[in-house]
Amino acid sequence: MELLVILASIGLLAFVLNQYVLPYNYLKKIDQQSINDDRYCVIDVRDYVSAHRSPFPSAENIPLSYLPRALKERFDCSKEIVLVSDDVRGARIAAKMMRKKKFKSIYYTRAC
């Protein structure tokens, strides 16, 4: 019985680390002024309406809900990635999807 409790605790700890702690390790904040087209692929993961109302310069709008399909079908970038999002949570979710595709450096910035 004690072994079952220990295994459940380890499983819960692994889940929490994977969902909430580890994404912060590979997602770095970047200032909007330091983003240039030569070094970064800029992806706006906000919904279409938000991206249309306040567009981010040189960003490709791929809403978060469409990102898994876009990564499979058409997205290919050899540069570092910058994610534009309304909040850190959306950027963290997108970064987690992109890490599965082996993108190494992933940054985020908040949309104004």
C-alpha atoms as a PDB file:
ATOM      1  CA  MET A   1       0.000   0.000   0.000  1.00  0.00           C
ATOM      2  CA  GLU A   2       2.835   2.375   0.866  1.00  0.00           C
ATOM      3  CA  LEU A   3       4.511   1.569  -2.432  1.00  0.00           C
ATOM      4  CA  LEU A   4       1.339   2.505  -4.295  1.00  0.00           C
ATOM      5  CA  VAL A   5       1.201   5.883  -2.526  1.00  0.00           C
ATOM      6  CA  ILE A   6       4.874   6.523  -3.330  1.00  0.00           C
ATOM      7  CA  LEU A   7       4.379   5.627  -6.999  1.00  0.00           C
ATOM      8  CA  ALA A   8       1.290   7.844  -7.224  1.00  0.00           C
ATOM      9  CA  SER A   9       3.228  10.719  -5.639  1.00  0.00           C
ATOM     10  CA  ILE A  10       6.094  10.282  -8.099  1.00  0.00           C
ATOM     11  CA  GLY A  11       3.646  10.198 -11.008  1.00  0.00           C
ATOM     12  CA  LEU A  12       1.924  13.363  -9.803  1.00  0.00           C
ATOM     13  CA  LEU A  13       5.278  15.107  -9.345  1.00  0.00           C
ATOM     14  CA  ALA A  14       6.372  14.097 -12.857  1.00  0.00           C
ATOM     15  CA  PHE A  15       3.106  15.410 -14.300  1.00  0.00           C
ATOM     16  CA  VAL A  16       3.422  18.766 -12.515  1.00  0.00           C
ATOM     17  CA  LEU A  17       7.049  19.144 -13.586  1.00  0.00           C
ATOM     18  CA  ASN A  18       6.248  18.292 -17.197  1.00  0.00           C
ATOM     19  CA  GLN A  19       3.217  20.578 -17.436  1.00  0.00           C
ATOM     20  CA  TYR A  20       4.245  23.610 -15.422  1.00  0.00           C
ATOM     21  CA  VAL A  21       7.958  23.742 -14.606  1.00  0.00           C
ATOM     22  CA  LEU A  22       9.888  22.388 -17.592  1.00  0.00           C
ATOM     23  CA  PRO A  23       8.275  24.617 -20.251  1.00  0.00           C
ATOM     24  CA  TYR A  24       9.787  27.635 -18.501  1.00  0.00           C
ATOM     25  CA  ASN A  25      13.262  26.167 -18.977  1.00  0.00           C
ATOM     26  CA  TYR A  26      13.147  26.295 -22.767  1.00  0.00           C
ATOM     27  CA  LEU A  27      11.006  29.401 -23.226  1.00  0.00           C
ATOM     28  CA  LYS A  28      12.910  32.659 -22.952  1.00  0.00           C
ATOM     29  CA  LYS A  29      11.499  36.189 -22.974  1.00  0.00           C
ATOM     30  CA  ILE A  30      12.774  38.518 -25.694  1.00  0.00           C
ATOM     31  CA  ASP A  31      12.338  42.247 -26.163  1.00  0.00           C
ATOM     32  CA  GLN A  32      10.327  43.298 -29.225  1.00  0.00           C
ATOM     33  CA  GLN A  33      13.012  45.727 -30.384  1.00  0.00           C
ATOM     34  CA  SER A  34      15.631  42.989 -30.653  1.00  0.00           C
ATOM     35  CA  ILE A  35      13.584  40.853 -33.068  1.00  0.00           C
ATOM     36  CA  ASN A  36      14.859  40.935 -36.646  1.00  0.00           C
ATOM     37  CA  ASP A  37      13.752  38.914 -39.672  1.00  0.00           C
ATOM     38  CA  ASP A  38      17.214  37.564 -40.438  1.00  0.00           C
ATOM     39  CA  ARG A  39      17.609  35.647 -37.206  1.00  0.00           C
ATOM     40  CA  TYR A  40      14.072  34.665 -36.166  1.00  0.00           C
ATOM     41  CA  CYS A  41      10.895  33.090 -37.470  1.00  0.00           C
ATOM     42  CA  VAL A  42       8.106  35.026 -35.766  1.00  0.00           C
ATOM     43  CA  ILE A  43       4.845  33.169 -35.119  1.00  0.00           C
ATOM     44  CA  ASP A  44       1.792  34.903 -33.726  1.00  0.00           C
ATOM     45  CA  VAL A  45      -0.208  32.279 -31.812  1.00  0.00           C
ATOM     46  CA  ARG A  46      -3.083  34.622 -30.944  1.00  0.00           C
ATOM     47  CA  ASP A  47      -6.482  34.052 -32.524  1.00  0.00           C
ATOM     48  CA  TYR A  48      -7.226  35.568 -35.930  1.00  0.00           C
ATOM     49  CA  VAL A  49      -9.281  38.457 -34.535  1.00  0.00           C
ATOM     50  CA  SER A  50      -6.617  39.605 -32.064  1.00  0.00           C
ATOM     51  CA  ALA A  51      -3.863  39.282 -34.645  1.00  0.00           C
ATOM     52  CA  HIS A  52      -5.900  41.249 -37.177  1.00  0.00           C
ATOM     53  CA  ARG A  53      -6.728  44.060 -34.752  1.00  0.00           C
ATOM     54  CA  SER A  54      -3.143  44.542 -33.593  1.00  0.00           C
ATOM     55  CA  PRO A  55      -0.803  42.847 -36.076  1.00  0.00           C
ATOM     56  CA  PHE A  56       2.755  42.067 -35.085  1.00  0.00           C
ATOM     57  CA  PRO A  57       5.286  43.108 -37.753  1.00  0.00           C
ATOM     58  CA  SER A  58       6.658  40.256 -39.888  1.00  0.00           C
ATOM     59  CA  ALA A  59       4.786  37.576 -37.924  1.00  0.00           C
ATOM     60  CA  GLU A  60       2.939  34.657 -39.442  1.00  0.00           C
ATOM     61  CA  ASN A  61      -0.377  34.175 -37.662  1.00  0.00           C
ATOM     62  CA  ILE A  62      -0.952  30.546 -36.704  1.00  0.00           C
ATOM     63  CA  PRO A  63      -3.539  30.414 -33.891  1.00  0.00           C
ATOM     64  CA  LEU A  64      -2.695  28.094 -31.049  1.00  0.00           C
ATOM     65  CA  SER A  65      -5.556  25.744 -31.908  1.00  0.00           C
ATOM     66  CA  TYR A  66      -4.190  25.324 -35.459  1.00  0.00           C
ATOM     67  CA  LEU A  67      -0.523  25.033 -34.477  1.00  0.00           C
ATOM     68  CA  PRO A  68      -0.251  21.216 -34.250  1.00  0.00           C
ATOM     69  CA  ARG A  69      -1.619  20.814 -37.774  1.00  0.00           C
ATOM     70  CA  ALA A  70       0.549  23.633 -39.144  1.00  0.00           C
ATOM     71  CA  LEU A  71       3.657  22.075 -37.606  1.00  0.00           C
ATOM     72  CA  LYS A  72       2.868  18.770 -39.305  1.00  0.00           C
ATOM     73  CA  GLU A  73       1.853  20.090 -42.703  1.00  0.00           C
ATOM     74  CA  ARG A  74       3.619  23.259 -43.638  1.00  0.00           C
ATOM     75  CA  PHE A  75       5.807  24.903 -41.033  1.00  0.00           C
ATOM     76  CA  ASP A  76       9.530  24.600 -41.614  1.00  0.00           C
ATOM     77  CA  CYS A  77      12.002  27.073 -40.187  1.00  0.00           C
ATOM     78  CA  SER A  78      15.720  26.668 -39.615  1.00  0.00           C
ATOM     79  CA  LYS A  79      15.976  29.879 -37.581  1.00  0.00           C
ATOM     80  CA  GLU A  80      15.259  30.514 -33.931  1.00  0.00           C
ATOM     81  CA  ILE A  81      11.562  30.851 -33.089  1.00  0.00           C
ATOM     82  CA  VAL A  82       9.802  33.826 -31.507  1.00  0.00           C
ATOM     83  CA  LEU A  83       6.244  33.284 -30.311  1.00  0.00           C
ATOM     84  CA  VAL A  84       3.891  36.240 -30.017  1.00  0.00           C
ATOM     85  CA  SER A  85       1.112  35.668 -27.511  1.00  0.00           C
ATOM     86  CA  ASP A  86      -1.308  37.550 -25.281  1.00  0.00           C
ATOM     87  CA  ASP A  87      -0.007  35.738 -22.228  1.00  0.00           C
ATOM     88  CA  VAL A  88       2.777  33.460 -21.084  1.00  0.00           C
ATOM     89  CA  ARG A  89       0.436  30.485 -20.833  1.00  0.00           C
ATOM     90  CA  GLY A  90      -0.304  30.465 -24.572  1.00  0.00           C
ATOM     91  CA  ALA A  91       3.373  30.850 -25.403  1.00  0.00           C
ATOM     92  CA  ARG A  92       4.251  28.017 -23.038  1.00  0.00           C
ATOM     93  CA  ILE A  93       1.725  25.673 -24.668  1.00  0.00           C
ATOM     94  CA  ALA A  94       2.997  26.569 -28.149  1.00  0.00           C
ATOM     95  CA  ALA A  95       6.611  26.120 -27.044  1.00  0.00           C
ATOM     96  CA  LYS A  96       5.802  22.682 -25.711  1.00  0.00           C
ATOM     97  CA  MET A  97       4.365  21.676 -29.100  1.00  0.00           C
ATOM     98  CA  MET A  98       7.388  23.082 -30.909  1.00  0.00           C
ATOM     99  CA  ARG A  99       9.865  21.297 -28.648  1.00  0.00           C
ATOM    100  CA  LYS A 100       8.383  18.020 -29.850  1.00  0.00           C
ATOM    101  CA  LYS A 101       9.437  19.070 -33.368  1.00  0.00           C
ATOM    102  CA  LYS A 102      13.012  19.625 -32.131  1.00  0.00           C
ATOM    103  CA  PHE A 103      13.142  23.405 -32.384  1.00  0.00           C
ATOM    104  CA  LYS A 104      15.994  24.407 -30.117  1.00  0.00           C
ATOM    105  CA  SER A 105      15.750  28.088 -29.215  1.00  0.00           C
ATOM    106  CA  ILE A 106      12.250  29.344 -28.557  1.00  0.00           C
ATOM    107  CA  TYR A 107      11.545  32.860 -27.337  1.00  0.00           C
ATOM    108  CA  TYR A 108       8.328  34.703 -26.634  1.00  0.00           C
ATOM    109  CA  THR A 109       7.107  38.255 -26.491  1.00  0.00           C
ATOM    110  CA  ARG A 110       3.787  39.674 -25.421  1.00  0.00           C
ATOM    111  CA  ALA A 111       1.623  41.381 -27.991  1.00  0.00           C
ATOM    112  CA  CYS A 112       0.737  44.986 -27.254  1.00  0.00           C
END
